[in-house]
């Protein structure tokens, strides 16, 4: 499966942004999907994941209550709605796909989100 993340940009603190991850290739609905991010000078970290049908989601504590992950299997697309953004949310955001939980084999190219204070 090929993944392409989009939607990044510059946003003010307190604002919102929605990221998209478009998938092509094998059946999108067969993958667990996740969002990760990597801030400048830091290691990549988990942000959120969603199961095959979208009925189960899981978030990192740092984004819980502010970010919402979702997917539309009819459009082969996953989303990350980010609200109440903080400067510490500034990072390159990556989408990834897994066939087995926590084993993400396929990665998108990343999209940069910059939150200004």
C-alpha atoms as a PDB file:
ATOM      1  CA  UNK A   1       0.000   0.000   0.000  1.00  0.00           C
ATOM      2  CA  UNK A   2       1.217   3.505  -0.794  1.00  0.00           C
ATOM      3  CA  UNK A   3       0.406   6.329   1.601  1.00  0.00           C
ATOM      4  CA  UNK A   4       0.381  10.067   1.055  1.00  0.00           C
ATOM      5  CA  UNK A   5      -0.125  12.477   3.930  1.00  0.00           C
ATOM      6  CA  UNK A   6      -1.328  16.015   3.350  1.00  0.00           C
ATOM      7  CA  UNK A   7      -2.875  18.958   5.134  1.00  0.00           C
ATOM      8  CA  UNK A   8       0.069  20.328   7.036  1.00  0.00           C
ATOM      9  CA  UNK A   9       0.835  24.011   7.315  1.00  0.00           C
ATOM     10  CA  UNK A  10       1.190  26.939   9.671  1.00  0.00           C
ATOM     11  CA  UNK A  11      -1.476  27.436  12.332  1.00  0.00           C
ATOM     12  CA  UNK A  12      -1.725  29.630  15.393  1.00  0.00           C
ATOM     13  CA  UNK A  13      -1.829  28.173  18.869  1.00  0.00           C
ATOM     14  CA  UNK A  14      -5.377  27.277  19.788  1.00  0.00           C
ATOM     15  CA  UNK A  15      -6.298  26.693  16.189  1.00  0.00           C
ATOM     16  CA  UNK A  16      -7.272  23.580  14.281  1.00  0.00           C
ATOM     17  CA  UNK A  17      -5.977  21.598  11.369  1.00  0.00           C
ATOM     18  CA  UNK A  18      -7.074  18.419   9.607  1.00  0.00           C
ATOM     19  CA  UNK A  19      -4.565  16.032   8.129  1.00  0.00           C
ATOM     20  CA  UNK A  20      -5.425  13.445   5.514  1.00  0.00           C
ATOM     21  CA  UNK A  21      -3.721  10.233   4.516  1.00  0.00           C
ATOM     22  CA  UNK A  22      -4.684   8.841   1.128  1.00  0.00           C
ATOM     23  CA  UNK A  23      -3.941   5.185   0.460  1.00  0.00           C
ATOM     24  CA  UNK A  24      -3.579   3.277  -2.764  1.00  0.00           C
ATOM     25  CA  UNK A  25      -2.685  -0.271  -3.538  1.00  0.00           C
ATOM     26  CA  UNK A  26      -3.975  -3.171  -1.465  1.00  0.00           C
ATOM     27  CA  UNK A  27      -7.351  -3.004   0.252  1.00  0.00           C
ATOM     28  CA  UNK A  28      -7.257  -0.064   2.646  1.00  0.00           C
ATOM     29  CA  UNK A  29      -9.777  -1.575   5.030  1.00  0.00           C
ATOM     30  CA  UNK A  30      -7.455  -4.493   5.783  1.00  0.00           C
ATOM     31  CA  UNK A  31      -4.989  -2.217   7.594  1.00  0.00           C
ATOM     32  CA  UNK A  32      -4.744  -0.810  11.048  1.00  0.00           C
ATOM     33  CA  UNK A  33      -3.829   2.829  10.481  1.00  0.00           C
ATOM     34  CA  UNK A  34      -1.805   5.156  12.645  1.00  0.00           C
ATOM     35  CA  UNK A  35      -0.445   8.674  12.906  1.00  0.00           C
ATOM     36  CA  UNK A  36       3.008   9.424  14.217  1.00  0.00           C
ATOM     37  CA  UNK A  37       4.980  12.635  14.514  1.00  0.00           C
ATOM     38  CA  UNK A  38       8.573  13.743  14.797  1.00  0.00           C
ATOM     39  CA  UNK A  39       9.470  17.105  16.256  1.00  0.00           C
ATOM     40  CA  UNK A  40      12.787  18.795  15.439  1.00  0.00           C
ATOM     41  CA  UNK A  41      15.595  17.114  17.323  1.00  0.00           C
ATOM     42  CA  UNK A  42      13.327  14.457  18.794  1.00  0.00           C
ATOM     43  CA  UNK A  43      12.492  10.863  18.065  1.00  0.00           C
ATOM     44  CA  UNK A  44       9.358   9.865  16.224  1.00  0.00           C
ATOM     45  CA  UNK A  45       6.425   9.270  18.556  1.00  0.00           C
ATOM     46  CA  UNK A  46       3.039   7.618  18.326  1.00  0.00           C
ATOM     47  CA  UNK A  47       0.029   9.920  18.087  1.00  0.00           C
ATOM     48  CA  UNK A  48      -3.071   7.818  17.391  1.00  0.00           C
ATOM     49  CA  UNK A  49      -4.305   4.645  15.746  1.00  0.00           C
ATOM     50  CA  UNK A  50      -7.569   3.313  14.394  1.00  0.00           C
ATOM     51  CA  UNK A  51      -8.634  -0.256  13.690  1.00  0.00           C
ATOM     52  CA  UNK A  52      -9.821  -1.700  10.414  1.00  0.00           C
ATOM     53  CA  UNK A  53     -13.439  -0.637  10.645  1.00  0.00           C
ATOM     54  CA  UNK A  54     -12.887   2.565  12.576  1.00  0.00           C
ATOM     55  CA  UNK A  55     -14.709   1.405  15.668  1.00  0.00           C
ATOM     56  CA  UNK A  56     -11.683   1.370  17.930  1.00  0.00           C
ATOM     57  CA  UNK A  57      -9.226   4.199  18.441  1.00  0.00           C
ATOM     58  CA  UNK A  58      -6.317   4.868  20.747  1.00  0.00           C
ATOM     59  CA  UNK A  59      -4.431   8.089  21.494  1.00  0.00           C
ATOM     60  CA  UNK A  60      -1.223   9.223  23.067  1.00  0.00           C
ATOM     61  CA  UNK A  61      -1.867  11.019  26.348  1.00  0.00           C
ATOM     62  CA  UNK A  62      -0.381  14.209  24.922  1.00  0.00           C
ATOM     63  CA  UNK A  63      -3.166  14.533  22.320  1.00  0.00           C
ATOM     64  CA  UNK A  64      -6.102  12.837  24.021  1.00  0.00           C
ATOM     65  CA  UNK A  65      -9.164  15.058  24.027  1.00  0.00           C
ATOM     66  CA  UNK A  66      -7.715  17.373  21.372  1.00  0.00           C
ATOM     67  CA  UNK A  67      -7.087  15.116  18.368  1.00  0.00           C
ATOM     68  CA  UNK A  68      -9.527  12.778  16.642  1.00  0.00           C
ATOM     69  CA  UNK A  69      -8.524  10.005  14.268  1.00  0.00           C
ATOM     70  CA  UNK A  70     -11.018   8.690  11.740  1.00  0.00           C
ATOM     71  CA  UNK A  71     -11.130   6.838   8.446  1.00  0.00           C
ATOM     72  CA  UNK A  72     -13.371   6.517   5.430  1.00  0.00           C
ATOM     73  CA  UNK A  73     -12.802   3.114   3.863  1.00  0.00           C
ATOM     74  CA  UNK A  74     -14.951   4.062   0.869  1.00  0.00           C
ATOM     75  CA  UNK A  75     -12.431   6.812   0.070  1.00  0.00           C
ATOM     76  CA  UNK A  76      -9.294   4.932   1.166  1.00  0.00           C
ATOM     77  CA  UNK A  77      -8.487   7.853   3.415  1.00  0.00           C
ATOM     78  CA  UNK A  78      -7.628   8.401   7.052  1.00  0.00           C
ATOM     79  CA  UNK A  79      -7.877  11.705   8.877  1.00  0.00           C
ATOM     80  CA  UNK A  80      -6.479  13.413  11.943  1.00  0.00           C
ATOM     81  CA  UNK A  81      -8.536  16.324  13.212  1.00  0.00           C
ATOM     82  CA  UNK A  82      -6.323  18.415  15.454  1.00  0.00           C
ATOM     83  CA  UNK A  83      -7.936  20.993  17.731  1.00  0.00           C
ATOM     84  CA  UNK A  84      -6.566  23.290  20.434  1.00  0.00           C
ATOM     85  CA  UNK A  85      -3.142  23.070  18.881  1.00  0.00           C
ATOM     86  CA  UNK A  86      -0.101  23.932  20.959  1.00  0.00           C
ATOM     87  CA  UNK A  87       3.411  24.951  19.901  1.00  0.00           C
ATOM     88  CA  UNK A  88       4.637  21.587  21.171  1.00  0.00           C
ATOM     89  CA  UNK A  89       2.482  19.906  18.517  1.00  0.00           C
ATOM     90  CA  UNK A  90       4.870  21.273  15.885  1.00  0.00           C
ATOM     91  CA  UNK A  91       6.257  18.277  14.009  1.00  0.00           C
ATOM     92  CA  UNK A  92       6.297  16.337  10.798  1.00  0.00           C
ATOM     93  CA  UNK A  93       3.265  14.065  10.894  1.00  0.00           C
ATOM     94  CA  UNK A  94       3.424  10.640   9.280  1.00  0.00           C
ATOM     95  CA  UNK A  95       0.708   8.160   8.513  1.00  0.00           C
ATOM     96  CA  UNK A  96       1.398   4.465   8.617  1.00  0.00           C
ATOM     97  CA  UNK A  97      -0.327   1.152   7.969  1.00  0.00           C
ATOM     98  CA  UNK A  98      -0.069  -2.145   9.790  1.00  0.00           C
ATOM     99  CA  UNK A  99      -1.478  -5.614   9.239  1.00  0.00           C
ATOM    100  CA  UNK A 100      -0.629  -6.625  12.791  1.00  0.00           C
ATOM    101  CA  UNK A 101      -1.055  -4.327  15.771  1.00  0.00           C
ATOM    102  CA  UNK A 102       1.984  -2.077  16.370  1.00  0.00           C
ATOM    103  CA  UNK A 103       3.879  -3.473  13.390  1.00  0.00           C
ATOM    104  CA  UNK A 104       3.688  -0.593  10.946  1.00  0.00           C
ATOM    105  CA  UNK A 105       5.211  -1.682   7.668  1.00  0.00           C
ATOM    106  CA  UNK A 106       4.106   1.092   5.331  1.00  0.00           C
ATOM    107  CA  UNK A 107       4.773   4.799   5.807  1.00  0.00           C
ATOM    108  CA  UNK A 108       3.794   8.004   4.081  1.00  0.00           C
ATOM    109  CA  UNK A 109       6.221  10.813   3.368  1.00  0.00           C
ATOM    110  CA  UNK A 110       5.106  13.133   6.182  1.00  0.00           C
ATOM    111  CA  UNK A 111       3.493  16.536   6.316  1.00  0.00           C
ATOM    112  CA  UNK A 112       4.795  19.423   8.415  1.00  0.00           C
ATOM    113  CA  UNK A 113       2.560  21.121  10.962  1.00  0.00           C
ATOM    114  CA  UNK A 114       3.916  24.280  12.540  1.00  0.00           C
ATOM    115  CA  UNK A 115       2.052  25.833  15.462  1.00  0.00           C
ATOM    116  CA  UNK A 116       3.004  29.398  16.250  1.00  0.00           C
ATOM    117  CA  UNK A 117       2.626  30.892  19.714  1.00  0.00           C
END
